[in-house]
């Protein structure tokens, strides 16, 4: 895997970890509010600070697959991932097989192997 793809993957993994912490803190509130989570875009750009509102069910469905990430439309990185679902106001992207997918799996905070 080239350096750019590795960096993108590490950045996305960092944002996913941040969102997992936010999810842990807000889970109780989501259950008694509107059933959504406010998370950060999980794109590969460290300077991105865009926020997404994601239904809790969608969040859990995406987190069940280590290769999937939430991004703002236009923030996807075609060299390392493909858009697999478009939902307003976010896209769900899947890391490419091989290095990008392996990095996503190795850095998944929900994985029992980390």
N, C-alpha and C. Protein backbone atom coordinates (compact mmCIF):
# COMPACT_ATOMS: atom_id res chain seq x y z
N UNK A 1 0.87 -1.16 0.00
CA UNK A 1 0.00 0.00 0.00
C UNK A 1 0.91 1.23 0.00
N UNK A 2 0.57 2.20 -0.85
CA UNK A 2 1.41 3.39 -0.91
C UNK A 2 1.18 4.29 0.31
N UNK A 3 2.09 5.23 0.51
CA UNK A 3 2.08 6.09 1.69
C UNK A 3 0.80 6.91 1.80
N UNK A 4 0.31 7.43 0.68
CA UNK A 4 -0.91 8.26 0.71
C UNK A 4 -2.11 7.45 1.19
N UNK A 5 -2.27 6.24 0.66
CA UNK A 5 -3.39 5.39 1.08
C UNK A 5 -3.27 5.02 2.55
N UNK A 6 -2.03 4.76 3.00
CA UNK A 6 -1.82 4.42 4.41
C UNK A 6 -2.20 5.60 5.30
N UNK A 7 -1.79 6.81 4.91
CA UNK A 7 -2.10 8.01 5.70
C UNK A 7 -3.61 8.26 5.74
N UNK A 8 -4.27 8.12 4.59
CA UNK A 8 -5.73 8.29 4.55
C UNK A 8 -6.39 7.29 5.50
N UNK A 9 -5.95 6.04 5.43
CA UNK A 9 -6.52 5.01 6.29
C UNK A 9 -6.30 5.29 7.77
N UNK A 10 -5.12 5.76 8.13
CA UNK A 10 -4.85 6.08 9.53
C UNK A 10 -5.70 7.25 10.00
N UNK A 11 -5.86 8.26 9.14
CA UNK A 11 -6.69 9.40 9.51
C UNK A 11 -8.14 8.98 9.71
N UNK A 12 -8.66 8.15 8.79
CA UNK A 12 -10.04 7.69 8.92
C UNK A 12 -10.22 6.86 10.18
N UNK A 13 -9.23 6.03 10.49
CA UNK A 13 -9.30 5.21 11.70
C UNK A 13 -9.33 6.09 12.94
N UNK A 14 -8.57 7.18 12.93
CA UNK A 14 -8.58 8.11 14.06
C UNK A 14 -9.97 8.70 14.25
N UNK A 15 -10.61 9.16 13.17
CA UNK A 15 -11.95 9.74 13.28
C UNK A 15 -12.97 8.70 13.72
N UNK A 16 -12.81 7.46 13.26
CA UNK A 16 -13.73 6.40 13.69
C UNK A 16 -13.59 6.20 15.21
N UNK A 17 -12.38 6.22 15.71
CA UNK A 17 -12.15 6.05 17.14
C UNK A 17 -12.78 7.20 17.93
N UNK A 18 -12.63 8.43 17.43
CA UNK A 18 -13.27 9.58 18.06
C UNK A 18 -14.78 9.37 18.10
N UNK A 19 -15.35 8.93 16.99
CA UNK A 19 -16.80 8.72 16.94
C UNK A 19 -17.25 7.60 17.87
N UNK A 20 -16.43 6.60 18.05
CA UNK A 20 -16.78 5.55 19.01
C UNK A 20 -16.84 6.11 20.43
N UNK A 21 -15.91 7.00 20.76
CA UNK A 21 -15.94 7.64 22.08
C UNK A 21 -17.18 8.52 22.23
N UNK A 22 -17.50 9.28 21.19
CA UNK A 22 -18.71 10.12 21.21
C UNK A 22 -19.94 9.23 21.36
N UNK A 23 -19.97 8.14 20.62
CA UNK A 23 -21.11 7.22 20.69
C UNK A 23 -21.26 6.66 22.10
N UNK A 24 -20.16 6.29 22.73
CA UNK A 24 -20.23 5.77 24.10
C UNK A 24 -20.79 6.80 25.06
N UNK A 25 -20.40 8.05 24.89
CA UNK A 25 -20.88 9.12 25.77
C UNK A 25 -22.34 9.47 25.52
N UNK A 26 -22.76 9.37 24.26
CA UNK A 26 -24.10 9.84 23.89
C UNK A 26 -25.16 8.76 23.73
N UNK A 27 -24.78 7.51 23.88
CA UNK A 27 -25.74 6.42 23.64
C UNK A 27 -27.02 6.61 24.45
N UNK A 28 -26.92 6.91 25.71
CA UNK A 28 -28.11 7.10 26.53
C UNK A 28 -28.95 8.26 26.06
N UNK A 29 -28.32 9.34 25.65
CA UNK A 29 -29.06 10.49 25.16
C UNK A 29 -29.78 10.19 23.86
N UNK A 30 -29.15 9.42 22.98
CA UNK A 30 -29.78 9.08 21.70
C UNK A 30 -31.05 8.27 21.93
N UNK A 31 -31.01 7.41 22.93
CA UNK A 31 -32.17 6.59 23.22
C UNK A 31 -33.37 7.37 23.70
N UNK A 32 -33.13 8.50 24.38
CA UNK A 32 -34.25 9.28 24.89
C UNK A 32 -34.53 10.53 24.05
N UNK A 33 -33.69 10.77 23.05
CA UNK A 33 -33.90 11.93 22.20
C UNK A 33 -34.48 11.49 20.86
N UNK A 34 -33.88 11.93 19.79
CA UNK A 34 -34.41 11.62 18.46
C UNK A 34 -33.77 10.38 17.83
N UNK A 35 -32.95 9.64 18.56
CA UNK A 35 -32.36 8.42 18.04
C UNK A 35 -31.24 8.65 17.04
N UNK A 36 -30.58 9.81 17.13
CA UNK A 36 -29.47 10.10 16.23
C UNK A 36 -28.20 10.36 17.03
N UNK A 37 -27.07 10.23 16.34
CA UNK A 37 -25.78 10.58 16.91
C UNK A 37 -25.17 11.70 16.07
N UNK A 38 -24.48 12.60 16.72
CA UNK A 38 -23.75 13.66 16.04
C UNK A 38 -22.28 13.23 16.04
N UNK A 39 -21.75 12.95 14.85
CA UNK A 39 -20.38 12.44 14.73
C UNK A 39 -19.58 13.33 13.79
N UNK A 40 -18.27 13.10 13.76
CA UNK A 40 -17.40 13.82 12.84
C UNK A 40 -17.24 13.01 11.56
N UNK A 41 -17.03 13.72 10.45
CA UNK A 41 -16.76 13.09 9.17
C UNK A 41 -15.53 12.20 9.33
N UNK A 42 -15.59 10.99 8.78
CA UNK A 42 -14.50 10.03 8.91
C UNK A 42 -13.63 9.98 7.66
N UNK A 43 -13.55 11.11 6.95
CA UNK A 43 -12.72 11.16 5.74
C UNK A 43 -11.25 11.15 6.13
N UNK A 44 -10.39 11.06 5.15
CA UNK A 44 -8.96 10.97 5.39
C UNK A 44 -8.24 12.29 5.59
N UNK A 45 -8.96 13.39 5.69
CA UNK A 45 -8.34 14.70 5.86
C UNK A 45 -8.34 15.11 7.33
N UNK A 46 -7.17 15.22 7.93
CA UNK A 46 -7.09 15.58 9.34
C UNK A 46 -7.65 16.95 9.64
N UNK A 47 -7.67 17.85 8.65
CA UNK A 47 -8.18 19.20 8.90
C UNK A 47 -9.70 19.27 8.80
N UNK A 48 -10.35 18.21 8.39
CA UNK A 48 -11.81 18.19 8.26
C UNK A 48 -12.44 18.19 9.66
N UNK A 49 -13.39 19.10 9.85
CA UNK A 49 -14.11 19.13 11.13
C UNK A 49 -15.62 19.16 10.90
N UNK A 50 -16.04 18.64 9.75
CA UNK A 50 -17.47 18.59 9.41
C UNK A 50 -18.18 17.60 10.32
N UNK A 51 -19.43 17.91 10.62
CA UNK A 51 -20.24 17.05 11.49
C UNK A 51 -21.36 16.39 10.69
N UNK A 52 -21.74 15.21 11.12
CA UNK A 52 -22.83 14.46 10.50
C UNK A 52 -23.84 14.09 11.58
N UNK A 53 -25.09 14.04 11.19
CA UNK A 53 -26.14 13.52 12.07
C UNK A 53 -26.56 12.19 11.48
N UNK A 54 -26.36 11.13 12.25
CA UNK A 54 -26.54 9.77 11.76
C UNK A 54 -27.54 9.04 12.66
N UNK A 55 -28.55 8.39 12.07
CA UNK A 55 -29.45 7.57 12.89
C UNK A 55 -28.66 6.47 13.60
N UNK A 56 -29.00 6.22 14.84
CA UNK A 56 -28.30 5.23 15.64
C UNK A 56 -28.27 3.86 14.95
N UNK A 57 -29.36 3.47 14.32
CA UNK A 57 -29.39 2.18 13.62
C UNK A 57 -28.37 2.13 12.49
N UNK A 58 -28.23 3.22 11.71
CA UNK A 58 -27.23 3.28 10.64
C UNK A 58 -25.82 3.22 11.22
N UNK A 59 -25.61 3.94 12.31
CA UNK A 59 -24.30 3.95 12.94
C UNK A 59 -23.89 2.53 13.34
N UNK A 60 -24.78 1.82 13.98
CA UNK A 60 -24.47 0.45 14.43
C UNK A 60 -24.26 -0.49 13.24
N UNK A 61 -25.04 -0.32 12.19
CA UNK A 61 -24.90 -1.16 10.99
C UNK A 61 -23.53 -0.95 10.35
N UNK A 62 -23.10 0.29 10.24
CA UNK A 62 -21.80 0.59 9.64
C UNK A 62 -20.67 0.12 10.54
N UNK A 63 -20.79 0.32 11.84
CA UNK A 63 -19.74 -0.09 12.77
C UNK A 63 -19.57 -1.61 12.80
N UNK A 64 -20.57 -2.36 12.37
CA UNK A 64 -20.48 -3.82 12.35
C UNK A 64 -19.52 -4.32 11.28
N UNK A 65 -19.11 -3.45 10.35
CA UNK A 65 -18.19 -3.82 9.27
C UNK A 65 -17.00 -2.87 9.33
N UNK A 66 -15.83 -3.37 9.71
CA UNK A 66 -14.65 -2.53 9.92
C UNK A 66 -14.22 -1.77 8.67
N UNK A 67 -14.63 -2.20 7.49
CA UNK A 67 -14.20 -1.56 6.24
C UNK A 67 -15.09 -0.38 5.85
N UNK A 68 -16.15 -0.10 6.62
CA UNK A 68 -17.07 0.97 6.28
C UNK A 68 -16.83 2.22 7.12
N UNK A 69 -17.02 3.40 6.48
CA UNK A 69 -16.83 4.68 7.14
C UNK A 69 -17.89 5.67 6.66
N UNK A 70 -18.21 6.66 7.50
CA UNK A 70 -19.12 7.76 7.16
C UNK A 70 -18.31 8.96 6.67
N UNK A 71 -18.71 9.55 5.53
CA UNK A 71 -18.05 10.76 5.04
C UNK A 71 -19.09 11.73 4.49
N UNK A 72 -18.73 13.01 4.51
CA UNK A 72 -19.52 14.05 3.86
C UNK A 72 -19.42 13.82 2.35
N UNK A 73 -20.50 13.96 1.58
CA UNK A 73 -20.39 13.84 0.12
C UNK A 73 -19.29 14.77 -0.41
N UNK A 74 -18.43 14.21 -1.26
CA UNK A 74 -17.30 14.95 -1.80
C UNK A 74 -16.01 14.69 -1.05
N UNK A 75 -16.09 14.06 0.13
CA UNK A 75 -14.90 13.78 0.93
C UNK A 75 -14.38 12.36 0.70
N UNK A 76 -15.04 11.59 -0.14
CA UNK A 76 -14.57 10.23 -0.41
C UNK A 76 -13.24 10.29 -1.16
N UNK A 77 -12.43 9.24 -1.00
CA UNK A 77 -11.11 9.13 -1.62
C UNK A 77 -11.12 7.93 -2.56
N UNK A 78 -11.43 8.15 -3.86
CA UNK A 78 -11.56 7.03 -4.80
C UNK A 78 -10.32 6.16 -4.93
N UNK A 79 -9.15 6.68 -4.56
CA UNK A 79 -7.94 5.87 -4.65
C UNK A 79 -7.88 4.81 -3.55
N UNK A 80 -8.69 4.95 -2.51
CA UNK A 80 -8.62 4.03 -1.37
C UNK A 80 -9.96 3.44 -0.97
N UNK A 81 -11.07 3.95 -1.56
CA UNK A 81 -12.40 3.51 -1.12
C UNK A 81 -13.45 3.78 -2.19
N UNK A 82 -14.57 3.09 -2.07
CA UNK A 82 -15.70 3.27 -2.98
C UNK A 82 -16.93 3.66 -2.18
N UNK A 83 -17.74 4.55 -2.75
CA UNK A 83 -19.03 4.89 -2.14
C UNK A 83 -19.95 3.69 -2.35
N UNK A 84 -20.51 3.17 -1.25
CA UNK A 84 -21.40 2.02 -1.34
C UNK A 84 -22.84 2.37 -0.98
N UNK A 85 -23.02 3.57 -0.40
CA UNK A 85 -24.37 4.00 -0.04
C UNK A 85 -24.39 5.52 0.04
N UNK A 86 -25.44 6.09 -0.51
CA UNK A 86 -25.61 7.54 -0.41
C UNK A 86 -26.87 7.81 0.38
N UNK A 87 -26.71 8.47 1.49
CA UNK A 87 -27.83 8.86 2.35
C UNK A 87 -27.63 10.33 2.69
N UNK A 88 -28.66 11.10 2.62
CA UNK A 88 -28.52 12.51 2.94
C UNK A 88 -28.39 12.63 4.45
N UNK A 89 -27.44 13.29 4.98
CA UNK A 89 -26.41 14.12 4.35
C UNK A 89 -25.03 13.47 4.34
N UNK A 90 -24.93 12.16 4.22
CA UNK A 90 -23.63 11.50 4.26
C UNK A 90 -23.56 10.37 3.25
N UNK A 91 -22.32 9.96 2.98
CA UNK A 91 -22.06 8.76 2.18
C UNK A 91 -21.46 7.72 3.13
N UNK A 92 -21.62 6.46 2.75
CA UNK A 92 -20.92 5.37 3.42
C UNK A 92 -19.94 4.83 2.39
N UNK A 93 -18.66 4.75 2.79
CA UNK A 93 -17.62 4.26 1.89
C UNK A 93 -17.04 2.96 2.42
N UNK A 94 -16.59 2.14 1.48
CA UNK A 94 -15.93 0.86 1.82
C UNK A 94 -14.49 0.93 1.34
N UNK A 95 -13.57 0.61 2.25
CA UNK A 95 -12.15 0.59 1.90
C UNK A 95 -11.89 -0.48 0.85
N UNK A 96 -10.96 -0.21 -0.07
CA UNK A 96 -10.59 -1.18 -1.10
C UNK A 96 -9.96 -2.42 -0.47
N UNK A 97 -10.16 -3.59 -1.10
CA UNK A 97 -9.52 -4.81 -0.59
C UNK A 97 -8.00 -4.66 -0.58
N UNK A 98 -7.35 -5.43 0.25
CA UNK A 98 -5.90 -5.37 0.37
C UNK A 98 -5.51 -4.44 1.49
N UNK A 99 -4.47 -3.64 1.27
CA UNK A 99 -3.92 -2.76 2.29
C UNK A 99 -4.93 -1.85 2.97
N UNK A 100 -5.74 -1.08 2.21
CA UNK A 100 -6.70 -0.18 2.88
C UNK A 100 -7.69 -0.92 3.78
N UNK A 101 -8.21 -2.03 3.30
CA UNK A 101 -9.17 -2.79 4.10
C UNK A 101 -8.49 -3.43 5.32
N UNK A 102 -7.28 -3.94 5.12
CA UNK A 102 -6.55 -4.56 6.23
C UNK A 102 -6.24 -3.54 7.32
N UNK A 103 -5.87 -2.32 6.93
CA UNK A 103 -5.61 -1.27 7.91
C UNK A 103 -6.88 -0.91 8.68
N UNK A 104 -8.00 -0.82 7.96
CA UNK A 104 -9.28 -0.52 8.61
C UNK A 104 -9.63 -1.59 9.63
N UNK A 105 -9.42 -2.84 9.28
CA UNK A 105 -9.72 -3.93 10.21
C UNK A 105 -8.77 -3.93 11.41
N UNK A 106 -7.48 -3.66 11.16
CA UNK A 106 -6.49 -3.67 12.24
C UNK A 106 -6.70 -2.54 13.24
N UNK A 107 -7.33 -1.45 12.81
CA UNK A 107 -7.53 -0.29 13.68
C UNK A 107 -8.96 -0.15 14.18
N UNK A 108 -9.78 -1.17 13.94
CA UNK A 108 -11.18 -1.10 14.36
C UNK A 108 -11.30 -1.23 15.88
N UNK A 109 -11.82 -0.17 16.55
CA UNK A 109 -11.92 -0.25 18.01
C UNK A 109 -12.88 -1.33 18.51
N UNK A 110 -13.76 -1.81 17.66
CA UNK A 110 -14.71 -2.85 18.08
C UNK A 110 -14.19 -4.25 17.82
N UNK A 111 -13.05 -4.34 17.18
CA UNK A 111 -12.48 -5.64 16.86
C UNK A 111 -11.88 -6.28 18.11
N UNK A 112 -12.07 -7.56 18.24
CA UNK A 112 -11.52 -8.28 19.40
C UNK A 112 -10.03 -8.53 19.21
N UNK A 113 -9.51 -8.31 17.99
CA UNK A 113 -8.09 -8.58 17.76
C UNK A 113 -7.21 -7.37 18.03
N UNK A 114 -7.81 -6.18 18.36
CA UNK A 114 -7.00 -5.00 18.63
C UNK A 114 -6.78 -4.82 20.11
